[in-house]
Amino acid sequence: MLLQLIQRVTEMRILVRFLIFFLVTGLMVYFYVNRSAPVSAPGKPVAIDRHPDLTAIFTNDNYQQWIDRFGTVSRSAFDASGKRIGTQVGHAGGPTGFVVEMTYLEPDTDHPLGQAFDGAGNPTPLHIGPETPDRDQQGRLVS
């Protein structure tokens, strides 16, 4: 009888260990899946970061476009108050007469450094230059 009791306790320990293992594994999976969910204050909606509609920004009839003698095209869009919203750079050609190579949107509250997009409208990292410029890049001047 004592042997049966010991065997049942051992079986219960194994069962409890399996339950703890699956509980911990389930919690880890749950928190891993939900770790990228934005956290906000109670009652405030969470802002979803969406790509701006670049076509709407740069074809609203409130833009200026320049073409230099090499075929480089630059287009700047402005809001109703006349403040620049963004700039597109590209070259002449394509079905619309302008092939966009890069778009830069001016900084705003959500993006303090601004935003950059490639020609297809995909976000690209901003290259704002080195933190400390190398002042001896050209070498020393010789008189």
Protein backbone atom coordinates (compact mmCIF):
# COMPACT_ATOMS: atom_id res chain seq x y z
CA MET A 1 0.00 0.00 0.00
CA LEU A 2 2.82 2.37 0.82
CA LEU A 3 4.44 1.56 -2.51
CA GLN A 4 1.22 2.44 -4.38
CA LEU A 5 0.98 5.75 -2.51
CA ILE A 6 4.57 6.64 -3.43
CA GLN A 7 3.90 5.70 -7.03
CA ARG A 8 0.78 7.94 -7.15
CA VAL A 9 2.67 10.89 -5.63
CA THR A 10 5.42 10.45 -8.20
CA GLU A 11 2.86 10.37 -11.02
CA MET A 12 1.23 13.52 -9.63
CA ARG A 13 4.62 15.30 -9.52
CA ILE A 14 5.27 14.42 -13.15
CA LEU A 15 1.79 15.63 -14.12
CA VAL A 16 2.26 18.89 -12.18
CA ARG A 17 5.65 19.46 -13.86
CA PHE A 18 4.12 18.96 -17.31
CA LEU A 19 1.31 21.39 -16.47
CA ILE A 20 3.79 24.01 -15.24
CA PHE A 21 5.94 23.52 -18.35
CA PHE A 22 2.99 24.02 -20.71
CA LEU A 23 1.70 26.99 -18.73
CA VAL A 24 5.08 28.76 -18.82
CA THR A 25 5.56 27.95 -22.51
CA GLY A 26 2.07 29.25 -23.32
CA LEU A 27 2.71 32.49 -21.44
CA MET A 28 6.02 32.99 -23.22
CA VAL A 29 4.39 32.51 -26.62
CA TYR A 30 1.53 34.85 -25.68
CA PHE A 31 3.87 37.65 -24.57
CA TYR A 32 6.18 37.15 -27.56
CA VAL A 33 3.28 37.47 -30.00
CA ASN A 34 1.86 40.51 -28.23
CA ARG A 35 5.13 42.28 -27.49
CA SER A 36 4.88 44.48 -30.59
CA ALA A 37 1.40 45.70 -29.69
CA PRO A 38 1.53 49.42 -28.92
CA VAL A 39 0.90 50.44 -25.35
CA SER A 40 -1.21 53.50 -24.74
CA ALA A 41 -2.76 55.29 -21.84
CA PRO A 42 -6.26 54.12 -20.92
CA GLY A 43 -8.90 55.73 -23.07
CA LYS A 44 -6.50 57.10 -25.67
CA PRO A 45 -6.48 55.58 -29.17
CA VAL A 46 -3.25 54.14 -30.48
CA ALA A 47 -1.89 55.89 -33.57
CA ILE A 48 -1.18 53.52 -36.43
CA ASP A 49 1.92 54.40 -38.44
CA ARG A 50 0.77 54.38 -42.06
CA HIS A 51 2.63 55.37 -45.17
CA PRO A 52 1.53 58.78 -46.45
CA ASP A 53 -0.14 58.99 -49.85
CA LEU A 54 2.76 60.51 -51.79
CA THR A 55 0.72 60.78 -54.99
CA ALA A 56 -1.90 62.92 -53.27
CA ILE A 57 0.76 65.13 -51.65
CA PHE A 58 2.68 65.85 -54.85
CA THR A 59 -0.22 66.18 -57.32
CA ASN A 60 -2.45 68.60 -55.39
CA ASP A 61 -1.71 71.52 -57.77
CA ASN A 62 0.19 73.26 -54.99
CA TYR A 63 3.74 72.38 -55.98
CA GLN A 64 6.67 73.81 -57.87
CA GLN A 65 8.83 71.80 -60.24
CA TRP A 66 12.28 72.54 -61.60
CA ILE A 67 14.26 70.80 -64.34
CA ASP A 68 17.94 71.54 -64.83
CA ARG A 69 19.91 71.18 -68.04
CA PHE A 70 21.03 67.66 -67.09
CA GLY A 71 17.47 66.32 -66.82
CA THR A 72 17.35 66.27 -63.02
CA VAL A 73 13.85 67.08 -61.81
CA SER A 74 12.99 68.48 -58.39
CA ARG A 75 9.43 68.96 -57.15
CA SER A 76 8.41 70.56 -53.85
CA ALA A 77 4.87 70.35 -52.48
CA PHE A 78 3.36 73.01 -50.21
CA ASP A 79 0.37 73.05 -47.87
CA ALA A 80 -2.37 75.70 -47.95
CA SER A 81 -0.34 78.11 -45.80
CA GLY A 82 2.65 77.91 -48.15
CA LYS A 83 4.83 75.77 -45.88
CA ARG A 84 6.84 73.12 -47.73
CA ILE A 85 5.57 69.57 -47.03
CA GLY A 86 8.16 67.60 -48.95
CA THR A 87 10.46 67.30 -51.93
CA GLN A 88 10.83 64.72 -54.68
CA VAL A 89 13.97 64.28 -56.76
CA GLY A 90 14.26 62.28 -59.95
CA HIS A 91 14.94 62.55 -63.64
CA ALA A 92 12.95 63.46 -66.70
CA GLY A 93 11.21 60.61 -68.52
CA GLY A 94 8.62 57.95 -67.85
CA PRO A 95 4.90 58.05 -68.70
CA THR A 96 4.24 61.13 -66.55
CA GLY A 97 7.40 62.96 -67.61
CA PHE A 98 8.99 62.56 -64.17
CA VAL A 99 10.63 59.42 -62.74
CA VAL A 100 10.85 59.75 -58.95
CA GLU A 101 14.07 58.44 -57.42
CA MET A 102 13.66 59.75 -53.87
CA THR A 103 11.04 61.51 -51.77
CA TYR A 104 11.71 63.42 -48.57
CA LEU A 105 8.91 64.65 -46.31
CA GLU A 106 9.60 67.50 -43.92
CA PRO A 107 9.78 66.78 -40.17
CA ASP A 108 6.54 66.76 -38.19
CA THR A 109 5.50 65.80 -34.67
CA ASP A 110 5.38 62.07 -35.46
CA HIS A 111 8.67 62.09 -37.42
CA PRO A 112 11.05 64.73 -35.98
CA LEU A 113 13.78 63.96 -38.54
CA GLY A 114 11.42 63.71 -41.50
CA GLN A 115 10.80 60.68 -43.69
CA ALA A 116 12.52 59.35 -46.80
CA PHE A 117 11.06 57.06 -49.48
CA ASP A 118 12.53 55.39 -52.54
CA GLY A 119 11.10 55.73 -56.03
CA ALA A 120 8.47 53.05 -55.35
CA GLY A 121 7.23 54.77 -52.19
CA ASN A 122 8.89 52.35 -49.77
CA PRO A 123 10.40 53.88 -46.61
CA THR A 124 14.18 54.17 -46.65
CA PRO A 125 16.53 55.11 -43.83
CA LEU A 126 17.48 58.75 -43.57
CA HIS A 127 21.10 59.56 -44.27
CA ILE A 128 21.74 62.74 -42.35
CA GLY A 129 25.50 62.59 -42.66
CA PRO A 130 28.29 61.78 -40.25
CA GLU A 131 28.02 63.02 -36.68
CA THR A 132 31.42 64.70 -36.89
CA PRO A 133 32.58 65.59 -40.39
CA ASP A 134 36.15 64.80 -41.35
CA ARG A 135 37.74 68.19 -41.96
CA ASP A 136 40.82 66.78 -43.68
CA GLN A 137 39.04 64.94 -46.47
CA GLN A 138 40.68 67.02 -49.21
CA GLY A 139 44.16 66.84 -47.78
CA ARG A 140 46.41 69.75 -46.97
CA LEU A 141 46.72 72.72 -49.26
CA VAL A 142 50.17 73.21 -50.74
CA SER A 143 51.22 76.70 -51.80
